[in-house]
Amino acid sequence: MSETSLDRQCKLARHPDLLAVPMDGDLVMMSISQGSYYGINPVGVQIWQALESPQSLATLCELVTAEFDVSAAQCEQDMQVFIRQMLNAKVLELA
């Protein structure tokens, strides 16, 4: 995945090959095809729950800024990094 910014209107979806289990407020996920484990914090959990159906990056940022004490600009910056990591790890995919 290139290092350019993701478009705010790009649609994101959960990778269908992933199992996820809540654990103490976090989420533990396993990729069956890659044999990898991942853990995400409560902000990531909210994003994961929102991605029950495909959502745009803009919608996800709106959700996070409404729920957590973060500016829109900081959220956008953090989401770019987080979503890129999740795409590279094949936890999420472009819909």
Protein backbone atom coordinates (compact mmCIF):
# COMPACT_ATOMS: atom_id res chain seq x y z
CA MET A 1 0.00 0.00 0.00
CA SER A 2 1.46 3.38 -0.94
CA GLU A 3 2.19 6.02 1.66
CA THR A 4 -0.11 8.64 0.11
CA SER A 5 -3.10 9.71 2.16
CA LEU A 6 -6.23 7.63 1.94
CA ASP A 7 -9.17 9.43 0.39
CA ARG A 8 -11.74 10.46 3.02
CA GLN A 9 -14.51 8.89 0.93
CA CYS A 10 -12.79 5.51 0.44
CA LYS A 11 -14.94 2.69 1.77
CA LEU A 12 -13.41 0.31 4.28
CA ALA A 13 -14.60 -3.12 5.36
CA ARG A 14 -13.55 -5.88 7.71
CA HIS A 15 -11.48 -8.58 6.07
CA PRO A 16 -13.76 -11.62 5.85
CA ASP A 17 -10.98 -14.01 6.95
CA LEU A 18 -10.70 -12.53 10.44
CA LEU A 19 -12.04 -13.81 13.74
CA ALA A 20 -12.52 -11.26 16.53
CA VAL A 21 -13.23 -11.69 20.24
CA PRO A 22 -13.76 -8.93 22.86
CA MET A 23 -11.42 -9.19 25.84
CA ASP A 24 -11.32 -6.74 28.79
CA GLY A 25 -12.47 -3.74 26.73
CA ASP A 26 -10.07 -4.50 23.89
CA LEU A 27 -10.50 -6.71 20.84
CA VAL A 28 -8.29 -9.67 19.97
CA MET A 29 -8.32 -10.73 16.33
CA MET A 30 -6.82 -13.63 14.44
CA SER A 31 -6.19 -13.92 10.73
CA ILE A 32 -6.75 -17.53 9.74
CA SER A 33 -4.95 -17.23 6.40
CA GLN A 34 -1.91 -15.46 7.89
CA GLY A 35 -1.87 -17.13 11.29
CA SER A 36 -1.42 -13.71 12.91
CA TYR A 37 -2.92 -12.24 16.08
CA TYR A 38 -3.79 -8.57 16.61
CA GLY A 39 -5.12 -6.56 19.52
CA ILE A 40 -6.84 -3.18 19.39
CA ASN A 41 -7.82 -0.72 22.11
CA PRO A 42 -11.30 0.74 22.81
CA VAL A 43 -11.02 3.31 19.99
CA GLY A 44 -10.16 0.52 17.58
CA VAL A 45 -13.05 -1.53 18.98
CA GLN A 46 -15.47 1.29 18.14
CA ILE A 47 -14.08 1.45 14.61
CA TRP A 48 -14.36 -2.34 14.26
CA GLN A 49 -17.98 -2.25 15.43
CA ALA A 50 -18.80 0.54 12.97
CA LEU A 51 -17.32 -1.60 10.19
CA GLU A 52 -20.03 -4.23 10.59
CA SER A 53 -20.93 -2.76 7.21
CA PRO A 54 -18.50 -0.84 4.96
CA GLN A 55 -17.93 2.77 6.02
CA SER A 56 -15.99 5.71 4.62
CA LEU A 57 -12.92 7.05 6.36
CA ALA A 58 -14.84 10.35 6.85
CA THR A 59 -17.68 8.54 8.64
CA LEU A 60 -15.24 6.70 10.89
CA CYS A 61 -13.54 10.00 11.82
CA GLU A 62 -16.93 11.54 12.64
CA LEU A 63 -17.73 8.59 14.90
CA VAL A 64 -14.44 8.80 16.77
CA THR A 65 -14.52 12.59 17.27
CA ALA A 66 -18.09 12.34 18.58
CA GLU A 67 -17.14 9.68 21.13
CA PHE A 68 -13.59 10.61 22.18
CA ASP A 69 -11.84 13.85 23.14
CA VAL A 70 -9.88 14.40 19.92
CA SER A 71 -9.90 17.17 17.33
CA ALA A 72 -11.03 16.43 13.79
CA ALA A 73 -7.53 17.18 12.46
CA GLN A 74 -5.80 14.90 14.97
CA CYS A 75 -8.37 12.16 14.38
CA GLU A 76 -7.82 12.33 10.62
CA GLN A 77 -4.06 12.08 11.08
CA ASP A 78 -4.31 9.16 13.54
CA MET A 79 -6.92 7.37 11.41
CA GLN A 80 -4.68 7.58 8.34
CA VAL A 81 -1.94 5.74 10.25
CA PHE A 82 -4.28 3.23 11.93
CA ILE A 83 -6.24 2.36 8.79
CA ARG A 84 -3.05 1.97 6.73
CA GLN A 85 -1.67 -0.42 9.38
CA MET A 86 -4.91 -2.41 9.34
CA LEU A 87 -4.92 -2.55 5.53
CA ASN A 88 -1.28 -3.68 5.44
CA ALA A 89 -2.01 -6.36 8.06
CA LYS A 90 -5.07 -7.46 6.03
CA VAL A 91 -7.38 -6.80 8.98
CA LEU A 92 -9.33 -4.33 6.82
CA GLU A 93 -9.80 -4.06 3.09
CA LEU A 94 -11.01 -1.42 0.66
CA ALA A 95 -14.65 -2.09 -0.16
